[in-house]
Amino acid sequence: MAPGPTGLRITRALARRFDGRSETSLDPDLRVFVSDLARPYGLPLREDLLGEGAGHSYEELAAGPLREVLAEDEPADLLVLAFDTPDVRPGAPSSLALSRSVPGSPLAFAVCDQGGAAAFTALRLAACHQRTGGCRRAVVVLAEQTALHYDPPGPVPLPDRHAVVVLVCEEAPGEGLAVRQTRGAGSPAQTVRAEALASGAALLLGPGFDAQEPAPAQPFTGLWAELAEELPRWRADGRPALVAGYDRRLGVLSTLALP
């Protein structure tokens, strides 16, 4: 008998929040880096933040949680860092630096410039990579830090605290996690509620579905911190779950179905 299908399942989720700042935020190269990015758009720098050294490096934020959630004998094949607020570390990508905090020698890359959809994209890419046969364990790191070192042209949600969520995804029998991302959904909230009702899944909604809702304290990681809290109960009950996010700026509806 041929073996059945396998897919990635989120087996562990860890959420941590932090205060303080990173010494990297005082690196003079950060001013040069941000200036080069902002100059073509005529955006002024936040001299106060650059002067006081505000913000945190994603490498420093995530290194501890990664060591906390993965044992030395649990090598990873893939590490994906996803974020919305830019990192404060100029130079080498933090995703590559973080691979040193993960057992094994994982392929590492980052997903950004997708707003809240970036977290779902990271999980979708991990699931796709598993289907190539080259990934039995993937680690997805979701991070946000509080400092934006230039004045944006419009309102941008920033977190109250630095935060990291680590999702460990491991190969298991079955279809595994399924991510869908679409644009132009007529009524995103009704769409996901109908899907959850039809499947009997627990529903976890991120920000963006209600235009009148107040700004969330953790706009990027908050949804996934809730997932980390609820996942053990869903697993114990054997209940499927649907996690959904809607990025109003991009018009992207993202859903993650957990078996």
C-alpha atoms as a PDB file:
ATOM      1  CA  MET A   1       0.000   0.000   0.000  1.00  0.00           C
ATOM      2  CA  ALA A   2       1.384   3.391  -0.980  1.00  0.00           C
ATOM      3  CA  PRO A   3       2.005   5.782   1.913  1.00  0.00           C
ATOM      4  CA  GLY A   4      -0.598   8.483   2.411  1.00  0.00           C
ATOM      5  CA  PRO A   5       0.027  12.209   2.013  1.00  0.00           C
ATOM      6  CA  THR A   6       1.998  14.184   4.545  1.00  0.00           C
ATOM      7  CA  GLY A   7       1.944  17.861   5.390  1.00  0.00           C
ATOM      8  CA  LEU A   8       3.251  20.371   7.885  1.00  0.00           C
ATOM      9  CA  ARG A   9       1.429  20.827  11.184  1.00  0.00           C
ATOM     10  CA  ILE A  10       2.092  23.543  13.732  1.00  0.00           C
ATOM     11  CA  THR A  11       3.238  21.453  16.684  1.00  0.00           C
ATOM     12  CA  ARG A  12       4.538  24.209  18.954  1.00  0.00           C
ATOM     13  CA  ALA A  13       3.940  27.936  19.245  1.00  0.00           C
ATOM     14  CA  LEU A  14       5.698  30.318  21.596  1.00  0.00           C
ATOM     15  CA  ALA A  15       4.942  34.025  22.078  1.00  0.00           C
ATOM     16  CA  ARG A  16       7.147  36.507  23.908  1.00  0.00           C
ATOM     17  CA  ARG A  17       7.062  40.298  24.387  1.00  0.00           C
ATOM     18  CA  PHE A  18       9.985  42.520  25.312  1.00  0.00           C
ATOM     19  CA  ASP A  19      10.848  46.008  26.519  1.00  0.00           C
ATOM     20  CA  GLY A  20      14.071  47.966  26.147  1.00  0.00           C
ATOM     21  CA  ARG A  21      16.127  48.437  23.021  1.00  0.00           C
ATOM     22  CA  SER A  22      18.981  46.904  21.096  1.00  0.00           C
ATOM     23  CA  GLU A  23      22.446  48.441  20.898  1.00  0.00           C
ATOM     24  CA  THR A  24      22.048  47.953  17.161  1.00  0.00           C
ATOM     25  CA  SER A  25      19.597  50.877  17.222  1.00  0.00           C
ATOM     26  CA  LEU A  26      22.597  53.179  17.850  1.00  0.00           C
ATOM     27  CA  ASP A  27      24.587  51.867  14.889  1.00  0.00           C
ATOM     28  CA  PRO A  28      25.479  54.922  12.730  1.00  0.00           C
ATOM     29  CA  ASP A  29      24.880  52.812   9.644  1.00  0.00           C
ATOM     30  CA  LEU A  30      21.180  52.733  10.562  1.00  0.00           C
ATOM     31  CA  ARG A  31      20.880  56.466   9.788  1.00  0.00           C
ATOM     32  CA  VAL A  32      22.592  55.958   6.444  1.00  0.00           C
ATOM     33  CA  PHE A  33      20.405  52.963   5.628  1.00  0.00           C
ATOM     34  CA  VAL A  34      17.115  54.686   6.544  1.00  0.00           C
ATOM     35  CA  SER A  35      18.159  57.890   4.759  1.00  0.00           C
ATOM     36  CA  ASP A  36      18.777  55.981   1.539  1.00  0.00           C
ATOM     37  CA  LEU A  37      15.363  54.337   1.793  1.00  0.00           C
ATOM     38  CA  ALA A  38      13.394  57.480   2.668  1.00  0.00           C
ATOM     39  CA  ARG A  39      15.110  60.072   0.444  1.00  0.00           C
ATOM     40  CA  PRO A  40      13.485  59.115  -2.893  1.00  0.00           C
ATOM     41  CA  TYR A  41      10.051  59.585  -1.320  1.00  0.00           C
ATOM     42  CA  GLY A  42      10.830  62.828   0.502  1.00  0.00           C
ATOM     43  CA  LEU A  43      10.091  61.333   3.904  1.00  0.00           C
ATOM     44  CA  PRO A  44      11.730  63.039   6.905  1.00  0.00           C
ATOM     45  CA  LEU A  45      13.779  61.022   9.361  1.00  0.00           C
ATOM     46  CA  ARG A  46      12.793  60.653  13.002  1.00  0.00           C
ATOM     47  CA  GLU A  47      15.882  62.291  14.442  1.00  0.00           C
ATOM     48  CA  ASP A  48      14.598  61.794  17.991  1.00  0.00           C
ATOM     49  CA  LEU A  49      14.420  58.024  17.582  1.00  0.00           C
ATOM     50  CA  LEU A  50      17.755  57.808  15.812  1.00  0.00           C
ATOM     51  CA  GLY A  51      19.383  59.951  18.483  1.00  0.00           C
ATOM     52  CA  GLU A  52      18.054  58.076  21.500  1.00  0.00           C
ATOM     53  CA  GLY A  53      18.508  54.614  20.009  1.00  0.00           C
ATOM     54  CA  ALA A  54      14.924  53.338  19.804  1.00  0.00           C
ATOM     55  CA  GLY A  55      13.943  49.948  18.475  1.00  0.00           C
ATOM     56  CA  HIS A  56      15.166  46.382  18.641  1.00  0.00           C
ATOM     57  CA  SER A  57      16.996  43.920  16.420  1.00  0.00           C
ATOM     58  CA  TYR A  58      14.966  40.912  15.325  1.00  0.00           C
ATOM     59  CA  GLU A  59      18.024  38.719  15.665  1.00  0.00           C
ATOM     60  CA  GLU A  60      18.372  39.619  19.345  1.00  0.00           C
ATOM     61  CA  LEU A  61      14.637  39.384  20.025  1.00  0.00           C
ATOM     62  CA  ALA A  62      14.165  35.956  18.470  1.00  0.00           C
ATOM     63  CA  ALA A  63      17.375  34.151  19.436  1.00  0.00           C
ATOM     64  CA  GLY A  64      16.231  33.325  22.975  1.00  0.00           C
ATOM     65  CA  PRO A  65      12.721  32.093  22.053  1.00  0.00           C
ATOM     66  CA  LEU A  66      14.202  29.929  19.292  1.00  0.00           C
ATOM     67  CA  ARG A  67      16.536  28.210  21.744  1.00  0.00           C
ATOM     68  CA  GLU A  68      13.641  27.868  24.179  1.00  0.00           C
ATOM     69  CA  VAL A  69      11.311  26.106  21.749  1.00  0.00           C
ATOM     70  CA  LEU A  70      13.774  23.837  19.904  1.00  0.00           C
ATOM     71  CA  ALA A  71      16.067  21.251  21.509  1.00  0.00           C
ATOM     72  CA  GLU A  72      19.589  20.687  20.212  1.00  0.00           C
ATOM     73  CA  ASP A  73      18.570  17.337  18.712  1.00  0.00           C
ATOM     74  CA  GLU A  74      15.733  18.893  16.677  1.00  0.00           C
ATOM     75  CA  PRO A  75      17.341  20.225  13.502  1.00  0.00           C
ATOM     76  CA  ALA A  76      15.284  22.440  11.221  1.00  0.00           C
ATOM     77  CA  ASP A  77      15.369  22.363   7.436  1.00  0.00           C
ATOM     78  CA  LEU A  78      13.828  25.808   6.914  1.00  0.00           C
ATOM     79  CA  LEU A  79      13.666  29.094   8.812  1.00  0.00           C
ATOM     80  CA  VAL A  80      11.420  31.929   7.633  1.00  0.00           C
ATOM     81  CA  LEU A  81      11.401  35.341   9.317  1.00  0.00           C
ATOM     82  CA  ALA A  82       8.307  37.462   8.620  1.00  0.00           C
ATOM     83  CA  PHE A  83       7.782  41.063   9.699  1.00  0.00           C
ATOM     84  CA  ASP A  84       5.961  44.295   8.873  1.00  0.00           C
ATOM     85  CA  THR A  85       7.831  46.964  10.877  1.00  0.00           C
ATOM     86  CA  PRO A  86      11.396  47.209   9.493  1.00  0.00           C
ATOM     87  CA  ASP A  87      14.263  45.750  11.479  1.00  0.00           C
ATOM     88  CA  VAL A  88      16.809  48.098  13.063  1.00  0.00           C
ATOM     89  CA  ARG A  89      19.769  46.004  11.981  1.00  0.00           C
ATOM     90  CA  PRO A  90      21.404  47.361   8.820  1.00  0.00           C
ATOM     91  CA  GLY A  91      23.586  45.047   6.791  1.00  0.00           C
ATOM     92  CA  ALA A  92      23.288  41.249   6.832  1.00  0.00           C
ATOM     93  CA  PRO A  93      19.704  39.880   6.895  1.00  0.00           C
ATOM     94  CA  SER A  94      18.484  38.854  10.348  1.00  0.00           C
ATOM     95  CA  SER A  95      17.011  35.663   8.907  1.00  0.00           C
ATOM     96  CA  LEU A  96      20.506  34.408   8.100  1.00  0.00           C
ATOM     97  CA  ALA A  97      21.820  35.474  11.506  1.00  0.00           C
ATOM     98  CA  LEU A  98      18.926  33.690  13.225  1.00  0.00           C
ATOM     99  CA  SER A  99      19.778  30.430  11.507  1.00  0.00           C
ATOM    100  CA  ARG A 100      22.696  30.225  13.945  1.00  0.00           C
ATOM    101  CA  SER A 101      20.169  29.956  16.796  1.00  0.00           C
ATOM    102  CA  VAL A 102      18.460  26.941  15.231  1.00  0.00           C
ATOM    103  CA  PRO A 103      19.819  23.366  15.277  1.00  0.00           C
ATOM    104  CA  GLY A 104      20.892  22.137  11.876  1.00  0.00           C
ATOM    105  CA  SER A 105      21.747  24.315   8.901  1.00  0.00           C
ATOM    106  CA  PRO A 106      18.341  25.518   7.706  1.00  0.00           C
ATOM    107  CA  LEU A 107      17.642  27.355   4.508  1.00  0.00           C
ATOM    108  CA  ALA A 108      16.764  30.855   5.753  1.00  0.00           C
ATOM    109  CA  PHE A 109      15.016  33.832   4.206  1.00  0.00           C
ATOM    110  CA  ALA A 110      12.612  36.635   5.111  1.00  0.00           C
ATOM    111  CA  VAL A 111       9.159  37.789   4.004  1.00  0.00           C
ATOM    112  CA  CYS A 112       8.246  41.480   4.323  1.00  0.00           C
ATOM    113  CA  ASP A 113       6.408  44.367   2.596  1.00  0.00           C
ATOM    114  CA  GLN A 114       3.113  42.459   2.774  1.00  0.00           C
ATOM    115  CA  GLY A 115       1.634  43.951   5.934  1.00  0.00           C
ATOM    116  CA  GLY A 116      -0.228  41.424   8.057  1.00  0.00           C
ATOM    117  CA  ALA A 117      -0.347  39.007   5.122  1.00  0.00           C
ATOM    118  CA  ALA A 118       3.390  38.316   5.507  1.00  0.00           C
ATOM    119  CA  ALA A 119       2.841  35.826   8.340  1.00  0.00           C
ATOM    120  CA  PHE A 120       0.428  33.783   6.229  1.00  0.00           C
ATOM    121  CA  THR A 121       2.788  33.966   3.241  1.00  0.00           C
ATOM    122  CA  ALA A 122       5.623  32.586   5.370  1.00  0.00           C
ATOM    123  CA  LEU A 123       3.493  29.596   6.390  1.00  0.00           C
ATOM    124  CA  ARG A 124       2.319  29.054   2.812  1.00  0.00           C
ATOM    125  CA  LEU A 125       5.915  28.997   1.573  1.00  0.00           C
ATOM    126  CA  ALA A 126       6.906  26.567   4.334  1.00  0.00           C
ATOM    127  CA  ALA A 127       4.069  24.231   3.311  1.00  0.00           C
ATOM    128  CA  CYS A 128       5.121  24.462  -0.344  1.00  0.00           C
ATOM    129  CA  HIS A 129       8.728  23.695   0.554  1.00  0.00           C
ATOM    130  CA  GLN A 130       7.658  20.613   2.509  1.00  0.00           C
ATOM    131  CA  ARG A 131       5.929  19.280  -0.587  1.00  0.00           C
ATOM    132  CA  THR A 132       9.270  19.253  -2.435  1.00  0.00           C
ATOM    133  CA  GLY A 133      10.463  16.555  -0.028  1.00  0.00           C
ATOM    134  CA  GLY A 134      13.226  18.699   1.429  1.00  0.00           C
ATOM    135  CA  CYS A 135      11.616  19.882   4.647  1.00  0.00           C
ATOM    136  CA  ARG A 136      10.539  17.822   7.634  1.00  0.00           C
ATOM    137  CA  ARG A 137      10.729  20.643  10.174  1.00  0.00           C
ATOM    138  CA  ALA A 138      10.249  24.358   9.464  1.00  0.00           C
ATOM    139  CA  VAL A 139      10.471  27.255  11.891  1.00  0.00           C
ATOM    140  CA  VAL A 140       8.509  30.438  11.194  1.00  0.00           C
ATOM    141  CA  VAL A 141       9.506  33.523  13.205  1.00  0.00           C
ATOM    142  CA  LEU A 142       7.058  36.438  13.340  1.00  0.00           C
ATOM    143  CA  ALA A 143       8.505  39.642  14.766  1.00  0.00           C
ATOM    144  CA  GLU A 144       7.665  43.288  15.314  1.00  0.00           C
ATOM    145  CA  GLN A 145       9.502  46.149  16.999  1.00  0.00           C
ATOM    146  CA  THR A 146       8.156  49.531  18.033  1.00  0.00           C
ATOM    147  CA  ALA A 147      10.325  52.100  16.227  1.00  0.00           C
ATOM    148  CA  LEU A 148       9.843  53.464  12.716  1.00  0.00           C
ATOM    149  CA  HIS A 149      12.761  55.779  12.002  1.00  0.00           C
ATOM    150  CA  TYR A 150      11.026  57.986   9.444  1.00  0.00           C
ATOM    151  CA  ASP A 151       7.646  59.727   9.183  1.00  0.00           C
ATOM    152  CA  PRO A 152       5.397  57.628   6.934  1.00  0.00           C
ATOM    153  CA  PRO A 153       3.137  59.346   4.380  1.00  0.00           C
ATOM    154  CA  GLY A 154       0.044  58.023   6.151  1.00  0.00           C
ATOM    155  CA  PRO A 155      -1.068  56.295   9.364  1.00  0.00           C
ATOM    156  CA  VAL A 156       0.858  53.100  10.091  1.00  0.00           C
ATOM    157  CA  PRO A 157      -0.031  50.800  13.002  1.00  0.00           C
ATOM    158  CA  LEU A 158       2.941  50.291  15.310  1.00  0.00           C
ATOM    159  CA  PRO A 159       3.130  47.830  18.215  1.00  0.00           C
ATOM    160  CA  ASP A 160       3.098  48.830  21.857  1.00  0.00           C
ATOM    161  CA  ARG A 161       5.966  46.424  22.647  1.00  0.00           C
ATOM    162  CA  HIS A 162       8.597  44.429  20.825  1.00  0.00           C
ATOM    163  CA  ALA A 163       7.268  40.912  20.241  1.00  0.00           C
ATOM    164  CA  VAL A 164       8.172  37.561  18.709  1.00  0.00           C
ATOM    165  CA  VAL A 165       6.090  34.485  17.945  1.00  0.00           C
ATOM    166  CA  VAL A 166       7.848  31.245  16.958  1.00  0.00           C
ATOM    167  CA  LEU A 167       5.861  28.572  15.120  1.00  0.00           C
ATOM    168  CA  VAL A 168       7.436  25.118  14.822  1.00  0.00           C
ATOM    169  CA  CYS A 169       5.947  23.190  11.901  1.00  0.00           C
ATOM    170  CA  GLU A 170       6.677  19.477  11.549  1.00  0.00           C
ATOM    171  CA  GLU A 171       5.860  16.886   8.920  1.00  0.00           C
ATOM    172  CA  ALA A 172       3.000  14.541   9.844  1.00  0.00           C
ATOM    173  CA  PRO A 173       0.543  12.235   8.080  1.00  0.00           C
ATOM    174  CA  GLY A 174      -2.399  14.053   6.538  1.00  0.00           C
ATOM    175  CA  GLU A 175      -2.962  17.168   4.487  1.00  0.00           C
ATOM    176  CA  GLY A 176      -1.307  19.542   6.941  1.00  0.00           C
ATOM    177  CA  LEU A 177      -1.866  23.275   7.215  1.00  0.00           C
ATOM    178  CA  ALA A 178      -3.521  25.030   4.279  1.00  0.00           C
ATOM    179  CA  VAL A 179      -3.089  28.734   3.521  1.00  0.00           C
ATOM    180  CA  ARG A 180      -5.226  30.715   1.078  1.00  0.00           C
ATOM    181  CA  GLN A 181      -4.656  34.354   0.131  1.00  0.00           C
ATOM    182  CA  THR A 182      -7.032  36.325  -2.092  1.00  0.00           C
ATOM    183  CA  ARG A 183      -7.642  39.925  -3.102  1.00  0.00           C
ATOM    184  CA  GLY A 184     -10.872  41.811  -3.488  1.00  0.00           C
ATOM    185  CA  ALA A 185     -13.061  39.773  -1.138  1.00  0.00           C
ATOM    186  CA  GLY A 186     -16.464  41.440  -1.024  1.00  0.00           C
ATOM    187  CA  SER A 187     -17.139  40.834   2.664  1.00  0.00           C
ATOM    188  CA  PRO A 188     -14.068  39.267   4.298  1.00  0.00           C
ATOM    189  CA  ALA A 189     -15.635  38.794   7.731  1.00  0.00           C
ATOM    190  CA  GLN A 190     -18.722  37.056   6.348  1.00  0.00           C
ATOM    191  CA  THR A 191     -16.549  34.885   4.105  1.00  0.00           C
ATOM    192  CA  VAL A 192     -14.419  33.490   6.923  1.00  0.00           C
ATOM    193  CA  ARG A 193     -17.312  33.123   9.359  1.00  0.00           C
ATOM    194  CA  ALA A 194     -19.232  31.092   6.791  1.00  0.00           C
ATOM    195  CA  GLU A 195     -16.184  28.907   6.150  1.00  0.00           C
ATOM    196  CA  ALA A 196     -15.644  28.263   9.862  1.00  0.00           C
ATOM    197  CA  LEU A 197     -19.332  27.463  10.386  1.00  0.00           C
ATOM    198  CA  ALA A 198     -19.380  25.015   7.474  1.00  0.00           C
ATOM    199  CA  SER A 199     -16.331  23.129   8.736  1.00  0.00           C
ATOM    200  CA  GLY A 200     -17.090  23.310  12.457  1.00  0.00           C
ATOM    201  CA  ALA A 201     -13.721  24.982  13.006  1.00  0.00           C
ATOM    202  CA  ALA A 202     -12.802  27.327  15.824  1.00  0.00           C
ATOM    203  CA  LEU A 203     -12.367  30.813  14.344  1.00  0.00           C
ATOM    204  CA  LEU A 204      -9.585  33.214  15.252  1.00  0.00           C
ATOM    205  CA  LEU A 205      -9.870  36.649  13.620  1.00  0.00           C
ATOM    206  CA  GLY A 206      -6.990  39.074  13.322  1.00  0.00           C
ATOM    207  CA  PRO A 207      -7.216  42.849  12.958  1.00  0.00           C
ATOM    208  CA  GLY A 208      -8.528  44.561   9.851  1.00  0.00           C
ATOM    209  CA  PHE A 209     -11.980  43.030   9.486  1.00  0.00           C
ATOM    210  CA  ASP A 210     -13.757  45.898  11.258  1.00  0.00           C
ATOM    211  CA  ALA A 211     -12.818  49.353   9.960  1.00  0.00           C
ATOM    212  CA  GLN A 212     -14.076  50.919  13.199  1.00  0.00           C
ATOM    213  CA  GLU A 213     -12.058  48.758  15.577  1.00  0.00           C
ATOM    214  CA  PRO A 214      -9.351  50.482  17.647  1.00  0.00           C
ATOM    215  CA  ALA A 215      -5.737  49.991  16.671  1.00  0.00           C
ATOM    216  CA  PRO A 216      -4.464  46.677  18.113  1.00  0.00           C
ATOM    217  CA  ALA A 217      -1.638  46.726  20.643  1.00  0.00           C
ATOM    218  CA  GLN A 218       0.343  44.215  18.579  1.00  0.00           C
ATOM    219  CA  PRO A 219      -0.826  44.621  14.969  1.00  0.00           C
ATOM    220  CA  PHE A 220       1.450  41.963  13.456  1.00  0.00           C
ATOM    221  CA  THR A 221       2.074  39.358  16.171  1.00  0.00           C
ATOM    222  CA  GLY A 222      -1.088  39.712  18.270  1.00  0.00           C
ATOM    223  CA  LEU A 223      -3.134  37.239  16.226  1.00  0.00           C
ATOM    224  CA  TRP A 224      -0.345  34.658  16.422  1.00  0.00           C
ATOM    225  CA  ALA A 225       0.140  35.147  20.156  1.00  0.00           C
ATOM    226  CA  GLU A 226      -3.560  34.243  20.498  1.00  0.00           C
ATOM    227  CA  LEU A 227      -2.912  31.170  18.365  1.00  0.00           C
ATOM    228  CA  ALA A 228      -0.058  30.147  20.677  1.00  0.00           C
ATOM    229  CA  GLU A 229      -2.442  30.428  23.638  1.00  0.00           C
ATOM    230  CA  GLU A 230      -5.335  28.543  22.031  1.00  0.00           C
ATOM    231  CA  LEU A 231      -3.461  25.824  20.116  1.00  0.00           C
ATOM    232  CA  PRO A 232      -2.998  23.374  23.044  1.00  0.00           C
ATOM    233  CA  ARG A 233      -6.746  23.430  23.790  1.00  0.00           C
ATOM    234  CA  TRP A 234      -7.686  22.904  20.143  1.00  0.00           C
ATOM    235  CA  ARG A 235      -5.265  19.995  19.898  1.00  0.00           C
ATOM    236  CA  ALA A 236      -6.606  18.436  23.120  1.00  0.00           C
ATOM    237  CA  ASP A 237     -10.195  18.757  21.844  1.00  0.00           C
ATOM    238  CA  GLY A 238      -9.272  17.462  18.392  1.00  0.00           C
ATOM    239  CA  ARG A 239     -10.971  20.512  16.882  1.00  0.00           C
ATOM    240  CA  PRO A 240      -9.927  22.073  13.571  1.00  0.00           C
ATOM    241  CA  ALA A 241      -9.315  25.800  13.522  1.00  0.00           C
ATOM    242  CA  LEU A 242      -9.398  28.642  11.032  1.00  0.00           C
ATOM    243  CA  VAL A 243      -7.082  31.610  11.525  1.00  0.00           C
ATOM    244  CA  ALA A 244      -7.882  34.664   9.400  1.00  0.00           C
ATOM    245  CA  GLY A 245      -6.354  38.062   8.775  1.00  0.00           C
ATOM    246  CA  TYR A 246      -7.351  40.936   6.508  1.00  0.00           C
ATOM    247  CA  ASP A 247      -4.866  43.601   5.474  1.00  0.00           C
ATOM    248  CA  ARG A 248      -6.999  46.608   4.560  1.00  0.00           C
ATOM    249  CA  ARG A 249      -4.104  48.526   3.030  1.00  0.00           C
ATOM    250  CA  LEU A 250      -3.447  45.761   0.495  1.00  0.00           C
ATOM    251  CA  GLY A 251      -6.956  44.319   0.283  1.00  0.00           C
ATOM    252  CA  VAL A 252      -5.602  40.829   0.986  1.00  0.00           C
ATOM    253  CA  LEU A 253      -7.635  38.221   2.850  1.00  0.00           C
ATOM    254  CA  SER A 254      -5.503  35.411   4.299  1.00  0.00           C
ATOM    255  CA  THR A 255      -6.724  32.242   5.963  1.00  0.00           C
ATOM    256  CA  LEU A 256      -4.908  29.368   7.616  1.00  0.00           C
ATOM    257  CA  ALA A 257      -6.786  26.098   8.117  1.00  0.00           C
ATOM    258  CA  LEU A 258      -5.386  23.925  10.895  1.00  0.00           C
ATOM    259  CA  PRO A 259      -6.473  20.272  10.852  1.00  0.00           C
END
